Amino acid sequence: QWSSVLRGVPHGSVFGSILIVCYINDMSDKIRSCIYIVYVGDTKVFRQVNSTIDRDKLQKNLDILDNWSKAWQLRFNVNVR
């Protein structure tokens, strides 16, 4: 029997993983001059910083991703270590 789903999918479900990958598919198109790793809902962006230019490039990418996350209403948890 069908029932209404108000929001979300069960945590840990295969369907949830597929949906998040589809949802964040264009995020990597925004990243320039940095290395990034994406695994389902986890994303890491980094680069070696040896100068202020390197620092600025990393910060620019972080700002772009922050804007992307606001536009898609999918905020990053920056408190995770």
N, C-alpha and C. Protein backbone atom coordinates (compact mmCIF):
# COMPACT_ATOMS: atom_id res chain seq x y z
N GLN A 1 0.85 -1.18 0.00
CA GLN A 1 0.00 0.00 0.00
C GLN A 1 0.89 1.24 0.00
N TRP A 2 0.56 2.25 -0.82
CA TRP A 2 1.30 3.49 -0.91
C TRP A 2 0.96 4.39 0.26
N SER A 3 1.96 5.16 0.69
CA SER A 3 1.71 6.16 1.72
C SER A 3 2.55 7.40 1.41
N SER A 4 2.15 8.50 1.96
CA SER A 4 2.86 9.76 1.71
C SER A 4 4.16 9.82 2.49
N VAL A 5 5.18 10.38 1.86
CA VAL A 5 6.46 10.62 2.51
C VAL A 5 6.61 12.12 2.60
N LEU A 6 6.73 12.62 3.81
CA LEU A 6 6.82 14.07 4.00
C LEU A 6 8.21 14.60 3.65
N ARG A 7 9.25 13.84 3.99
CA ARG A 7 10.61 14.25 3.62
C ARG A 7 11.59 13.14 3.98
N GLY A 8 12.70 13.15 3.29
CA GLY A 8 13.80 12.25 3.60
C GLY A 8 13.60 10.80 3.20
N VAL A 9 14.67 10.05 3.36
CA VAL A 9 14.66 8.60 3.16
C VAL A 9 15.36 7.99 4.37
N PRO A 10 15.14 6.71 4.63
CA PRO A 10 15.79 6.10 5.79
C PRO A 10 17.31 6.21 5.72
N HIS A 11 17.93 6.57 6.82
CA HIS A 11 19.40 6.69 6.90
C HIS A 11 20.02 5.33 6.63
N GLY A 12 21.04 5.32 5.79
CA GLY A 12 21.74 4.08 5.48
C GLY A 12 21.14 3.28 4.35
N SER A 13 20.05 3.75 3.78
CA SER A 13 19.43 3.00 2.68
C SER A 13 20.22 3.21 1.39
N VAL A 14 20.15 2.24 0.50
CA VAL A 14 20.81 2.35 -0.81
C VAL A 14 20.20 3.51 -1.59
N PHE A 15 18.91 3.66 -1.49
CA PHE A 15 18.22 4.74 -2.20
C PHE A 15 18.73 6.11 -1.74
N GLY A 16 18.98 6.27 -0.45
CA GLY A 16 19.50 7.53 0.07
C GLY A 16 20.86 7.86 -0.53
N SER A 17 21.73 6.87 -0.65
CA SER A 17 23.06 7.08 -1.24
C SER A 17 22.96 7.49 -2.70
N ILE A 18 22.07 6.86 -3.42
CA ILE A 18 21.89 7.20 -4.84
C ILE A 18 21.36 8.62 -4.98
N LEU A 19 20.39 8.98 -4.14
CA LEU A 19 19.83 10.32 -4.22
C LEU A 19 20.86 11.40 -3.92
N ILE A 20 21.68 11.20 -2.90
CA ILE A 20 22.67 12.23 -2.55
C ILE A 20 23.70 12.39 -3.66
N VAL A 21 24.10 11.29 -4.28
CA VAL A 21 25.06 11.38 -5.39
C VAL A 21 24.46 12.15 -6.55
N CYS A 22 23.19 11.91 -6.85
CA CYS A 22 22.51 12.67 -7.91
C CYS A 22 22.40 14.14 -7.54
N TYR A 23 22.11 14.39 -6.29
CA TYR A 23 21.90 15.75 -5.81
C TYR A 23 23.17 16.59 -5.87
N ILE A 24 24.31 15.97 -5.52
CA ILE A 24 25.57 16.73 -5.47
C ILE A 24 26.40 16.57 -6.74
N ASN A 25 25.84 15.97 -7.77
CA ASN A 25 26.56 15.65 -8.99
C ASN A 25 27.31 16.84 -9.59
N ASP A 26 26.75 18.04 -9.55
CA ASP A 26 27.39 19.20 -10.18
C ASP A 26 28.37 19.92 -9.26
N MET A 27 28.46 19.51 -8.00
CA MET A 27 29.33 20.21 -7.06
C MET A 27 30.80 20.20 -7.51
N SER A 28 31.27 19.07 -8.01
CA SER A 28 32.67 18.98 -8.41
C SER A 28 33.00 19.86 -9.61
N ASP A 29 31.99 20.25 -10.38
CA ASP A 29 32.22 21.15 -11.52
C ASP A 29 32.67 22.53 -11.06
N LYS A 30 32.40 22.87 -9.82
CA LYS A 30 32.71 24.20 -9.28
C LYS A 30 34.14 24.31 -8.77
N ILE A 31 34.78 23.18 -8.47
CA ILE A 31 36.09 23.17 -7.81
C ILE A 31 37.19 23.33 -8.84
N ARG A 32 38.07 24.30 -8.60
CA ARG A 32 39.20 24.57 -9.47
C ARG A 32 40.48 24.67 -8.64
N SER A 33 41.56 24.16 -9.17
CA SER A 33 42.90 24.28 -8.58
C SER A 33 43.00 23.72 -7.16
N CYS A 34 42.12 22.77 -6.82
CA CYS A 34 42.17 22.09 -5.54
C CYS A 34 41.90 20.61 -5.77
N ILE A 35 42.31 19.81 -4.82
CA ILE A 35 42.01 18.39 -4.85
C ILE A 35 40.74 18.19 -4.04
N TYR A 36 39.88 17.32 -4.50
CA TYR A 36 38.66 17.04 -3.75
C TYR A 36 38.38 15.54 -3.75
N ILE A 37 37.78 15.10 -2.68
CA ILE A 37 37.35 13.71 -2.54
C ILE A 37 35.90 13.75 -2.11
N VAL A 38 35.06 13.01 -2.83
CA VAL A 38 33.64 12.94 -2.49
C VAL A 38 33.29 11.47 -2.32
N TYR A 39 32.71 11.13 -1.19
CA TYR A 39 32.20 9.79 -0.98
C TYR A 39 30.80 9.92 -0.41
N VAL A 40 29.81 9.67 -1.22
CA VAL A 40 28.40 9.81 -0.88
C VAL A 40 28.17 11.18 -0.24
N GLY A 41 27.97 11.28 1.06
CA GLY A 41 27.67 12.55 1.69
C GLY A 41 28.87 13.27 2.27
N ASP A 42 30.06 12.69 2.13
CA ASP A 42 31.27 13.31 2.69
C ASP A 42 32.10 13.94 1.58
N THR A 43 32.55 15.17 1.82
CA THR A 43 33.36 15.89 0.84
C THR A 43 34.56 16.50 1.53
N LYS A 44 35.73 16.34 0.92
CA LYS A 44 36.94 16.98 1.42
C LYS A 44 37.57 17.76 0.26
N VAL A 45 37.94 18.99 0.53
CA VAL A 45 38.59 19.85 -0.45
C VAL A 45 39.89 20.33 0.18
N PHE A 46 40.99 20.18 -0.56
CA PHE A 46 42.26 20.60 0.02
C PHE A 46 43.27 20.92 -1.07
N ARG A 47 44.31 21.59 -0.67
CA ARG A 47 45.46 21.87 -1.52
C ARG A 47 46.63 22.24 -0.62
N GLN A 48 47.82 22.06 -1.11
CA GLN A 48 49.00 22.46 -0.36
C GLN A 48 49.10 23.98 -0.41
N VAL A 49 49.34 24.57 0.74
CA VAL A 49 49.41 26.04 0.82
C VAL A 49 50.84 26.45 1.19
N ASN A 50 51.52 27.06 0.21
CA ASN A 50 52.88 27.54 0.41
C ASN A 50 53.01 29.04 0.24
N SER A 51 51.91 29.67 -0.11
CA SER A 51 51.96 31.12 -0.36
C SER A 51 50.57 31.70 -0.15
N THR A 52 50.49 33.02 -0.18
CA THR A 52 49.18 33.66 -0.06
C THR A 52 48.32 33.38 -1.30
N ILE A 53 48.97 33.17 -2.44
CA ILE A 53 48.23 32.83 -3.66
C ILE A 53 47.55 31.47 -3.49
N ASP A 54 48.28 30.50 -2.95
CA ASP A 54 47.69 29.18 -2.68
C ASP A 54 46.54 29.30 -1.69
N ARG A 55 46.75 30.08 -0.65
CA ARG A 55 45.70 30.29 0.35
C ARG A 55 44.46 30.90 -0.28
N ASP A 56 44.66 31.90 -1.14
CA ASP A 56 43.53 32.57 -1.79
C ASP A 56 42.78 31.62 -2.73
N LYS A 57 43.50 30.75 -3.44
CA LYS A 57 42.86 29.78 -4.33
C LYS A 57 42.00 28.81 -3.52
N LEU A 58 42.54 28.34 -2.40
CA LEU A 58 41.76 27.44 -1.55
C LEU A 58 40.53 28.14 -1.00
N GLN A 59 40.71 29.36 -0.52
CA GLN A 59 39.58 30.11 0.03
C GLN A 59 38.52 30.39 -1.02
N LYS A 60 38.95 30.68 -2.25
CA LYS A 60 37.99 30.94 -3.33
C LYS A 60 37.13 29.70 -3.57
N ASN A 61 37.76 28.54 -3.59
CA ASN A 61 37.01 27.29 -3.76
C ASN A 61 36.05 27.05 -2.60
N LEU A 62 36.48 27.32 -1.40
CA LEU A 62 35.61 27.15 -0.24
C LEU A 62 34.42 28.10 -0.31
N ASP A 63 34.66 29.32 -0.75
CA ASP A 63 33.57 30.30 -0.90
C ASP A 63 32.58 29.85 -1.98
N ILE A 64 33.10 29.35 -3.09
CA ILE A 64 32.24 28.87 -4.18
C ILE A 64 31.38 27.70 -3.68
N LEU A 65 31.99 26.77 -2.95
CA LEU A 65 31.24 25.64 -2.43
C LEU A 65 30.22 26.06 -1.38
N ASP A 66 30.56 27.07 -0.59
CA ASP A 66 29.61 27.59 0.40
C ASP A 66 28.39 28.17 -0.32
N ASN A 67 28.63 28.93 -1.38
CA ASN A 67 27.51 29.48 -2.16
C ASN A 67 26.69 28.38 -2.81
N TRP A 68 27.36 27.34 -3.32
CA TRP A 68 26.66 26.21 -3.91
C TRP A 68 25.76 25.55 -2.86
N SER A 69 26.31 25.35 -1.67
CA SER A 69 25.53 24.67 -0.63
C SER A 69 24.32 25.50 -0.19
N LYS A 70 24.46 26.81 -0.18
CA LYS A 70 23.32 27.67 0.16
C LYS A 70 22.26 27.62 -0.93
N ALA A 71 22.69 27.64 -2.19
CA ALA A 71 21.74 27.61 -3.30
C ALA A 71 20.94 26.30 -3.32
N TRP A 72 21.59 25.20 -2.97
CA TRP A 72 20.93 23.89 -2.98
C TRP A 72 20.37 23.50 -1.62
N GLN A 73 20.50 24.40 -0.65
CA GLN A 73 19.98 24.17 0.71
C GLN A 73 20.53 22.88 1.30
N LEU A 74 21.82 22.67 1.11
CA LEU A 74 22.52 21.51 1.63
C LEU A 74 23.79 22.00 2.30
N ARG A 75 23.67 22.45 3.52
CA ARG A 75 24.78 23.09 4.21
C ARG A 75 25.83 22.07 4.64
N PHE A 76 27.08 22.46 4.53
CA PHE A 76 28.20 21.66 4.99
C PHE A 76 28.32 21.74 6.50
N ASN A 77 28.67 20.63 7.13
CA ASN A 77 28.94 20.62 8.56
C ASN A 77 30.44 20.88 8.72
N VAL A 78 30.81 22.11 8.99
CA VAL A 78 32.23 22.47 9.09
C VAL A 78 32.84 22.11 10.44
N ASN A 79 32.04 21.62 11.36
CA ASN A 79 32.53 21.27 12.70
C ASN A 79 33.06 19.84 12.80
N VAL A 80 32.92 19.05 11.75
CA VAL A 80 33.40 17.67 11.76
C VAL A 80 34.89 17.67 11.56
N ARG A 81 35.58 16.87 12.32
CA ARG A 81 37.05 16.79 12.18
C ARG A 81 37.47 15.51 11.55
